[in-house]
Amino acid sequence: MTKSYEWCWRRWIPAVAGIAYGLGLATAWVWHGGGTSPEPEKPALDRSGRRDVGAAGVPADRPLGDASVSGHPHGAAIPAERVRRVFHNSHPVSRQIEFARLLAEADASTIADIRAMFLEFDQSGLQYDNEWRMLWHHWGTLDPEGALDQLRKEIANGGDYGPGPQALIFSAWAARDPKAAAAAMREIGDPREFEASYLGAIGGMPMAEATRFAEDSTFEDGAFASRVAENLADRQLRESNSIPDLKVWYEGLDESLRRAALDHVYWRVRTADFADAADWIRNRAEAGEDTRRIAVEMTNAYLKRGDLTGLDWYLGLPAAVREDDKLREWASGLDTGSVSYREWAAAHADASRELEAIRSAADGAP
């Protein structure tokens, strides 16, 4: 399976942001006694009387804690057949609840054995996608260093997992110990591995702490700074469910992160209310922020739907934001004989005169 790195991020980041919440609910349900745990089945015997051994080489009734594949000290035993029954459960909700129960009972040694059994059913996390995410996130909670070691071994052996597991591990790690997670990130030399770790970490930290962490970071890559800002803007809106709160969050950012976040906050405001976005961008322009690209985009959106008031809006922006080439382009493309133009010009005399002067200058240019 080969997919673009950007596609992988679009698939994984929303999951990283929500997996802790979902796993928390499921685990809480388990600890409060929800559901029932099936009685262990007797081991299957073949005609020679030998116990059935699964594809991972683990006897069906052998407690996972008896011989941990992770090499950690042994924890509470979890029967291998119980793990298999979870994966054989075709009902996605009860399967995930039972899988959450397994994870809640695991420790740093037995979770590695659960991973080994996982390979028996799903090599890359495509068939059991939610369980796959839960596994790496919870492993990051129990033993992030061990989870990273295992992940790197699997990737070295040909595993093509994308950035998701790395992000999930660091999300859990940063939620538990942000300083340790940050220290581990500083040791990462591979840019893609670092980006996965960073985005996972800010997804695991409380929102205010994640914002401060991003503000204290130095981004050499503008594209990555934009991705960080986008993830934070998405999370702020998701957690507050409030466009006004999103604007307040933006206005509280330091200058460098604000520049990276402008496009992303603008688009979310515009999606909610186009007119509100126009007012907000005008305010940002008047505050001295560089809104040139967004202002052109907004005006094009006005004109695309036949709303000439977008020209008034653009002409009302500070001169530093307006682009003469775009004004000439728009003025030259106006159908001055149309009813809609005449009605607009009658109601907006100053703007129509300014555009007519721009149009005439463009027509008379050599």
Protein backbone atom coordinates (compact mmCIF):
# COMPACT_ATOMS: atom_id res chain seq x y z
CA MET A 1 0.00 0.00 0.00
CA THR A 2 1.50 3.31 -1.05
CA LYS A 3 -0.13 6.62 -0.33
CA SER A 4 1.12 10.18 -0.29
CA TYR A 5 2.42 11.56 3.00
CA GLU A 6 -0.10 14.42 2.90
CA TRP A 7 -2.98 11.96 2.39
CA CYS A 8 -1.78 10.02 5.40
CA TRP A 9 -1.89 13.14 7.55
CA ARG A 10 -5.43 13.95 6.41
CA ARG A 11 -6.42 10.44 7.47
CA TRP A 12 -4.57 10.26 10.78
CA ILE A 13 -4.61 13.67 12.43
CA PRO A 14 -8.36 13.75 13.21
CA ALA A 15 -7.91 10.28 14.66
CA VAL A 16 -4.98 11.37 16.82
CA ALA A 17 -7.03 14.27 18.13
CA GLY A 18 -9.99 12.05 19.06
CA ILE A 19 -8.50 8.69 19.96
CA ALA A 20 -7.68 9.58 23.58
CA TYR A 21 -11.27 10.69 24.16
CA GLY A 22 -12.75 7.56 22.58
CA LEU A 23 -10.36 5.23 24.35
CA GLY A 24 -11.05 7.00 27.62
CA LEU A 25 -14.78 6.44 27.25
CA ALA A 26 -14.35 2.81 26.34
CA THR A 27 -11.86 2.18 29.15
CA ALA A 28 -14.09 3.95 31.68
CA TRP A 29 -16.97 1.77 30.50
CA VAL A 30 -14.82 -1.30 31.09
CA TRP A 31 -13.67 -0.26 34.56
CA HIS A 32 -17.23 0.48 35.62
CA GLY A 33 -18.30 -3.03 34.75
CA GLY A 34 -19.85 -2.56 31.32
CA GLY A 35 -20.30 -5.63 29.16
CA THR A 36 -19.37 -9.18 29.98
CA SER A 37 -16.13 -11.03 29.58
CA PRO A 38 -16.62 -14.44 27.92
CA GLU A 39 -15.34 -17.52 29.74
CA PRO A 40 -12.08 -18.86 28.26
CA GLU A 41 -12.60 -21.72 25.84
CA LYS A 42 -10.72 -24.99 26.19
CA PRO A 43 -7.73 -25.30 23.84
CA ALA A 44 -8.47 -27.01 20.56
CA LEU A 45 -6.69 -30.34 19.98
CA ASP A 46 -5.72 -31.88 16.67
CA ARG A 47 -5.85 -35.62 16.08
CA SER A 48 -2.45 -36.12 17.66
CA GLY A 49 -3.65 -34.52 20.86
CA ARG A 50 -1.43 -31.43 20.46
CA ARG A 51 -2.72 -27.98 21.39
CA ASP A 52 -3.74 -25.64 18.57
CA VAL A 53 -1.06 -23.06 17.80
CA GLY A 54 -2.01 -19.84 16.02
CA ALA A 55 -0.26 -18.16 13.13
CA ALA A 56 1.81 -16.08 15.52
CA GLY A 57 3.23 -19.25 17.08
CA VAL A 58 1.36 -18.72 20.35
CA PRO A 59 -0.55 -21.69 21.86
CA ALA A 60 -4.24 -20.87 21.92
CA ASP A 61 -4.58 -21.11 25.70
CA ARG A 62 -1.16 -19.78 26.69
CA PRO A 63 -1.37 -16.70 28.90
CA LEU A 64 0.31 -13.84 27.08
CA GLY A 65 2.19 -12.80 30.20
CA ASP A 66 3.99 -16.18 30.35
CA ALA A 67 6.48 -15.27 27.62
CA SER A 68 6.36 -11.64 26.58
CA VAL A 69 7.62 -10.99 23.07
CA SER A 70 8.55 -7.47 24.18
CA GLY A 71 11.21 -8.68 26.58
CA HIS A 72 9.79 -6.61 29.45
CA PRO A 73 9.15 -8.11 32.89
CA HIS A 74 6.00 -10.15 32.80
CA GLY A 75 2.68 -8.67 33.83
CA ALA A 76 -0.83 -10.02 34.30
CA ALA A 77 -1.51 -13.03 32.10
CA ILE A 78 -3.98 -12.57 29.24
CA PRO A 79 -5.03 -15.79 27.46
CA ALA A 80 -4.10 -15.75 23.81
CA GLU A 81 -7.40 -17.34 22.86
CA ARG A 82 -9.23 -14.43 24.46
CA VAL A 83 -7.37 -12.05 22.16
CA ARG A 84 -8.36 -14.18 19.18
CA ARG A 85 -12.01 -14.13 20.22
CA VAL A 86 -11.92 -10.34 20.28
CA PHE A 87 -10.64 -10.22 16.71
CA HIS A 88 -13.16 -12.84 15.58
CA ASN A 89 -16.01 -10.69 16.90
CA SER A 90 -17.72 -9.28 13.79
CA HIS A 91 -19.68 -6.61 15.69
CA PRO A 92 -17.51 -3.46 15.59
CA VAL A 93 -18.87 -1.81 18.75
CA SER A 94 -18.62 -4.81 21.08
CA ARG A 95 -15.29 -5.78 19.51
CA GLN A 96 -13.82 -2.36 20.30
CA ILE A 97 -15.23 -2.47 23.83
CA GLU A 98 -13.65 -5.86 24.41
CA PHE A 99 -10.39 -4.66 22.87
CA ALA A 100 -10.45 -1.65 25.21
CA ARG A 101 -10.91 -4.11 28.08
CA LEU A 102 -7.80 -5.99 26.96
CA LEU A 103 -5.81 -2.77 26.80
CA ALA A 104 -7.06 -1.65 30.21
CA GLU A 105 -5.80 -4.91 31.70
CA ALA A 106 -2.44 -4.81 29.88
CA ASP A 107 0.85 -3.50 31.17
CA ALA A 108 4.12 -2.67 29.44
CA SER A 109 4.93 -6.35 28.91
CA THR A 110 1.61 -7.84 27.88
CA ILE A 111 0.70 -5.05 25.46
CA ALA A 112 3.65 -6.15 23.33
CA ASP A 113 2.15 -9.65 23.26
CA ILE A 114 -1.21 -8.23 22.20
CA ARG A 115 0.63 -6.52 19.35
CA ALA A 116 2.17 -9.86 18.36
CA MET A 117 -1.29 -11.43 18.27
CA PHE A 118 -2.59 -8.45 16.30
CA LEU A 119 -0.18 -9.38 13.50
CA GLU A 120 -1.95 -12.71 13.19
CA PHE A 121 -5.08 -10.91 12.02
CA ASP A 122 -3.96 -7.63 10.52
CA GLN A 123 -0.47 -6.74 9.33
CA SER A 124 -0.97 -3.01 8.73
CA GLY A 125 -4.03 -1.85 10.66
CA LEU A 126 -6.30 -1.65 7.62
CA GLN A 127 -8.85 -4.28 8.66
CA TYR A 128 -9.00 -3.36 12.37
CA ASP A 129 -8.37 0.35 11.98
CA ASN A 130 -9.85 1.57 15.28
CA GLU A 131 -8.24 -1.17 17.33
CA TRP A 132 -4.92 -0.40 15.62
CA ARG A 133 -5.11 3.24 16.71
CA MET A 134 -6.19 2.32 20.22
CA LEU A 135 -3.27 -0.09 20.55
CA TRP A 136 -0.54 2.39 19.62
CA HIS A 137 -2.06 5.17 21.68
CA HIS A 138 -2.41 3.04 24.81
CA TRP A 139 1.06 1.62 24.34
CA GLY A 140 2.28 5.21 24.26
CA THR A 141 0.58 5.72 27.62
CA LEU A 142 2.06 2.61 29.22
CA ASP A 143 5.55 2.57 27.73
CA PRO A 144 6.25 5.14 25.00
CA GLU A 145 9.91 4.20 24.65
CA GLY A 146 8.99 0.54 24.21
CA ALA A 147 6.24 1.41 21.74
CA LEU A 148 8.67 3.48 19.66
CA ASP A 149 11.26 0.71 19.70
CA GLN A 150 8.69 -1.79 18.47
CA LEU A 151 7.37 0.58 15.82
CA ARG A 152 10.86 1.26 14.48
CA LYS A 153 11.63 -2.47 14.34
CA GLU A 154 8.48 -3.13 12.34
CA ILE A 155 9.20 -0.26 9.94
CA ALA A 156 12.77 -1.52 9.52
CA ASN A 157 11.29 -4.91 8.63
CA GLY A 158 9.15 -3.38 5.88
CA GLY A 159 6.10 -2.06 7.73
CA ASP A 160 4.50 0.80 5.77
CA TYR A 161 2.31 2.47 8.37
CA GLY A 162 2.50 6.15 7.54
CA PRO A 163 2.80 8.77 10.29
CA GLY A 164 -0.18 7.58 12.37
CA PRO A 165 1.37 5.24 14.96
CA GLN A 166 4.23 7.66 15.68
CA ALA A 167 1.73 10.50 16.21
CA LEU A 168 -0.46 8.35 18.45
CA ILE A 169 2.45 7.31 20.65
CA PHE A 170 3.57 10.90 21.13
CA SER A 171 0.01 12.07 21.70
CA ALA A 172 -0.30 9.69 24.63
CA TRP A 173 3.22 10.44 25.84
CA ALA A 174 2.70 14.22 25.84
CA ALA A 175 -0.60 13.86 27.67
CA ARG A 176 1.20 11.97 30.44
CA ASP A 177 4.62 13.67 30.49
CA PRO A 178 4.99 16.57 28.04
CA LYS A 179 8.56 17.37 29.08
CA ALA A 180 9.75 13.83 28.45
CA ALA A 181 7.93 13.74 25.11
CA ALA A 182 9.51 17.03 24.07
CA ALA A 183 12.96 15.78 25.09
CA ALA A 184 12.48 12.63 23.02
CA MET A 185 11.42 14.71 20.01
CA ARG A 186 14.64 16.69 20.15
CA GLU A 187 16.57 13.48 19.55
CA ILE A 188 14.73 12.68 16.31
CA GLY A 189 16.72 13.46 13.18
CA ASP A 190 14.35 12.30 10.46
CA PRO A 191 12.10 15.24 9.42
CA ARG A 192 8.99 13.15 8.77
CA GLU A 193 9.36 11.23 12.01
CA PHE A 194 9.82 14.52 13.84
CA GLU A 195 6.73 16.07 12.26
CA ALA A 196 4.62 13.03 13.17
CA SER A 197 5.89 13.19 16.74
CA TYR A 198 5.34 16.95 17.03
CA LEU A 199 1.78 16.90 15.69
CA GLY A 200 0.95 13.96 17.91
CA ALA A 201 2.40 15.72 20.95
CA ILE A 202 0.42 18.94 20.51
CA GLY A 203 -2.67 16.81 20.04
CA GLY A 204 -2.09 15.18 23.42
CA MET A 205 -1.29 18.30 25.44
CA PRO A 206 -4.05 20.48 26.89
CA MET A 207 -4.99 23.16 24.36
CA ALA A 208 -3.41 26.08 26.21
CA GLU A 209 -0.18 24.15 26.75
CA ALA A 210 -0.11 23.01 23.11
CA THR A 211 -0.49 26.62 21.97
CA ARG A 212 2.36 27.78 24.21
CA PHE A 213 4.51 24.89 23.01
CA ALA A 214 3.95 25.90 19.37
CA GLU A 215 4.66 29.55 20.15
CA ASP A 216 7.94 28.57 21.79
CA SER A 217 8.97 26.48 18.76
CA THR A 218 11.11 27.74 15.90
CA PHE A 219 9.85 26.53 12.53
CA GLU A 220 12.34 26.52 9.68
CA ASP A 221 9.72 25.07 7.34
CA GLY A 222 6.80 27.43 6.70
CA ALA A 223 4.65 24.57 5.42
CA PHE A 224 5.06 22.67 8.67
CA ALA A 225 4.32 25.79 10.72
CA SER A 226 1.11 26.12 8.72
CA ARG A 227 0.21 22.50 9.42
CA VAL A 228 0.78 23.01 13.14
CA ALA A 229 -1.38 26.15 13.12
CA GLU A 230 -4.11 24.34 11.17
CA ASN A 231 -4.23 21.51 13.67
CA LEU A 232 -4.42 23.92 16.58
CA ALA A 233 -7.16 25.99 14.91
CA ASP A 234 -9.17 22.84 14.19
CA ARG A 235 -8.80 21.70 17.77
CA GLN A 236 -9.70 25.09 19.24
CA LEU A 237 -12.89 25.21 17.18
CA ARG A 238 -13.74 21.59 17.96
CA GLU A 239 -13.28 22.04 21.70
CA SER A 240 -14.97 25.42 22.01
CA ASN A 241 -17.57 24.96 19.24
CA SER A 242 -17.46 28.75 18.97
CA ILE A 243 -16.26 31.00 16.15
CA PRO A 244 -15.96 33.97 18.54
CA ASP A 245 -13.75 31.87 20.82
CA LEU A 246 -11.66 30.85 17.81
CA LYS A 247 -11.11 34.52 16.97
CA VAL A 248 -10.14 35.29 20.56
CA TRP A 249 -7.67 32.40 20.52
CA TYR A 250 -6.17 33.72 17.28
CA GLU A 251 -5.82 37.26 18.59
CA GLY A 252 -3.94 35.95 21.63
CA LEU A 253 -1.25 34.21 19.57
CA ASP A 254 2.22 35.61 19.20
CA GLU A 255 3.05 37.19 15.86
CA SER A 256 4.80 34.27 14.21
CA LEU A 257 2.12 31.69 15.00
CA ARG A 258 -0.61 34.20 14.13
CA ARG A 259 0.85 34.55 10.63
CA ALA A 260 0.78 30.80 10.20
CA ALA A 261 -2.78 30.53 11.56
CA LEU A 262 -4.41 33.39 9.62
CA ASP A 263 -5.50 31.40 6.55
CA HIS A 264 -6.83 28.53 8.65
CA VAL A 265 -8.86 30.66 11.01
CA TYR A 266 -10.18 32.75 8.12
CA TRP A 267 -11.42 29.68 6.29
CA ARG A 268 -13.24 28.34 9.32
CA VAL A 269 -14.87 31.71 9.96
CA ARG A 270 -15.86 31.94 6.30
CA THR A 271 -17.32 28.43 6.31
CA ALA A 272 -19.53 29.45 9.21
CA ASP A 273 -20.53 32.92 7.94
CA PHE A 274 -19.23 34.62 4.78
CA ALA A 275 -20.19 38.15 5.86
CA ASP A 276 -18.58 37.64 9.26
CA ALA A 277 -15.39 36.52 7.52
CA ALA A 278 -15.40 39.69 5.38
CA ASP A 279 -15.70 41.86 8.50
CA TRP A 280 -13.02 39.89 10.30
CA ILE A 281 -10.53 40.10 7.42
CA ARG A 282 -11.13 43.83 7.11
CA ASN A 283 -10.37 44.20 10.81
CA ARG A 284 -7.21 42.11 10.44
CA ALA A 285 -6.10 44.26 7.49
CA GLU A 286 -6.73 47.44 9.46
CA ALA A 287 -4.62 45.97 12.27
CA GLY A 288 -1.71 45.76 9.83
CA GLU A 289 -1.78 42.03 9.08
CA ASP A 290 -0.93 40.80 5.60
CA THR A 291 -4.31 39.80 4.18
CA ARG A 292 -3.55 40.42 0.50
CA ARG A 293 -4.09 36.88 -0.75
CA ILE A 294 -7.21 36.37 1.37
CA ALA A 295 -8.66 39.73 0.29
CA VAL A 296 -8.33 38.77 -3.37
CA GLU A 297 -9.89 35.38 -2.65
CA MET A 298 -12.82 36.98 -0.83
CA THR A 299 -13.44 39.48 -3.64
CA ASN A 300 -13.34 36.73 -6.26
CA ALA A 301 -15.89 34.81 -4.20
CA TYR A 302 -18.17 37.88 -4.11
CA LEU A 303 -17.88 38.37 -7.89
CA LYS A 304 -18.33 34.68 -8.67
CA ARG A 305 -21.78 34.83 -7.16
CA GLY A 306 -22.58 38.10 -8.95
CA ASP A 307 -22.28 40.29 -5.87
CA LEU A 308 -20.57 43.54 -6.88
CA THR A 309 -20.51 44.75 -3.28
CA GLY A 310 -17.29 42.75 -3.06
CA LEU A 311 -15.68 45.56 -5.05
CA ASP A 312 -16.78 48.10 -2.43
CA TRP A 313 -15.41 45.83 0.25
CA TYR A 314 -12.04 45.54 -1.48
CA LEU A 315 -11.77 49.26 -2.20
CA GLY A 316 -12.48 49.92 1.47
CA LEU A 317 -9.45 47.97 2.62
CA PRO A 318 -6.19 49.73 3.55
CA ALA A 319 -4.09 50.68 0.52
CA ALA A 320 -1.27 48.39 1.68
CA VAL A 321 -3.53 45.39 1.19
CA ARG A 322 -5.02 46.28 -2.20
CA GLU A 323 -3.31 45.10 -5.38
CA ASP A 324 -3.56 47.42 -8.40
CA ASP A 325 -3.21 44.58 -10.90
CA LYS A 326 -6.25 42.82 -9.45
CA LEU A 327 -8.28 46.03 -9.46
CA ARG A 328 -7.46 46.59 -13.13
CA GLU A 329 -8.37 43.00 -13.92
CA TRP A 330 -11.73 43.27 -12.17
CA ALA A 331 -12.50 46.73 -13.61
CA SER A 332 -11.71 45.58 -17.15
CA GLY A 333 -13.95 42.55 -16.78
CA LEU A 334 -17.05 44.45 -15.65
CA ASP A 335 -20.09 44.44 -17.91
CA THR A 336 -20.93 48.10 -17.47
CA GLY A 337 -23.99 47.77 -19.66
CA SER A 338 -25.69 45.16 -17.51
CA VAL A 339 -28.66 45.98 -15.31
CA SER A 340 -26.88 44.64 -12.25
CA TYR A 341 -23.87 46.90 -12.82
CA ARG A 342 -26.00 49.99 -13.40
CA GLU A 343 -27.97 49.29 -10.23
CA TRP A 344 -24.78 48.77 -8.25
CA ALA A 345 -23.12 51.91 -9.72
CA ALA A 346 -26.14 54.02 -8.84
CA ALA A 347 -26.00 52.88 -5.25
CA HIS A 348 -22.20 53.06 -4.95
CA ALA A 349 -21.19 56.18 -6.82
CA ASP A 350 -17.75 56.62 -5.24
CA ALA A 351 -16.70 53.03 -5.86
CA SER A 352 -18.03 53.03 -9.42
CA ARG A 353 -16.15 56.25 -10.25
CA GLU A 354 -12.93 54.82 -8.82
CA LEU A 355 -13.33 51.64 -10.85
CA GLU A 356 -14.19 53.59 -13.99
CA ALA A 357 -10.98 55.62 -13.57
CA ILE A 358 -9.01 52.37 -13.16
CA ARG A 359 -10.74 50.91 -16.20
CA SER A 360 -10.04 53.95 -18.33
CA ALA A 361 -6.38 53.99 -17.27
CA ALA A 362 -6.10 50.31 -18.15
CA ASP A 363 -7.75 50.84 -21.57
CA GLY A 364 -5.45 53.75 -22.34
CA ALA A 365 -2.27 52.01 -21.22
CA PRO A 366 0.24 51.49 -24.01
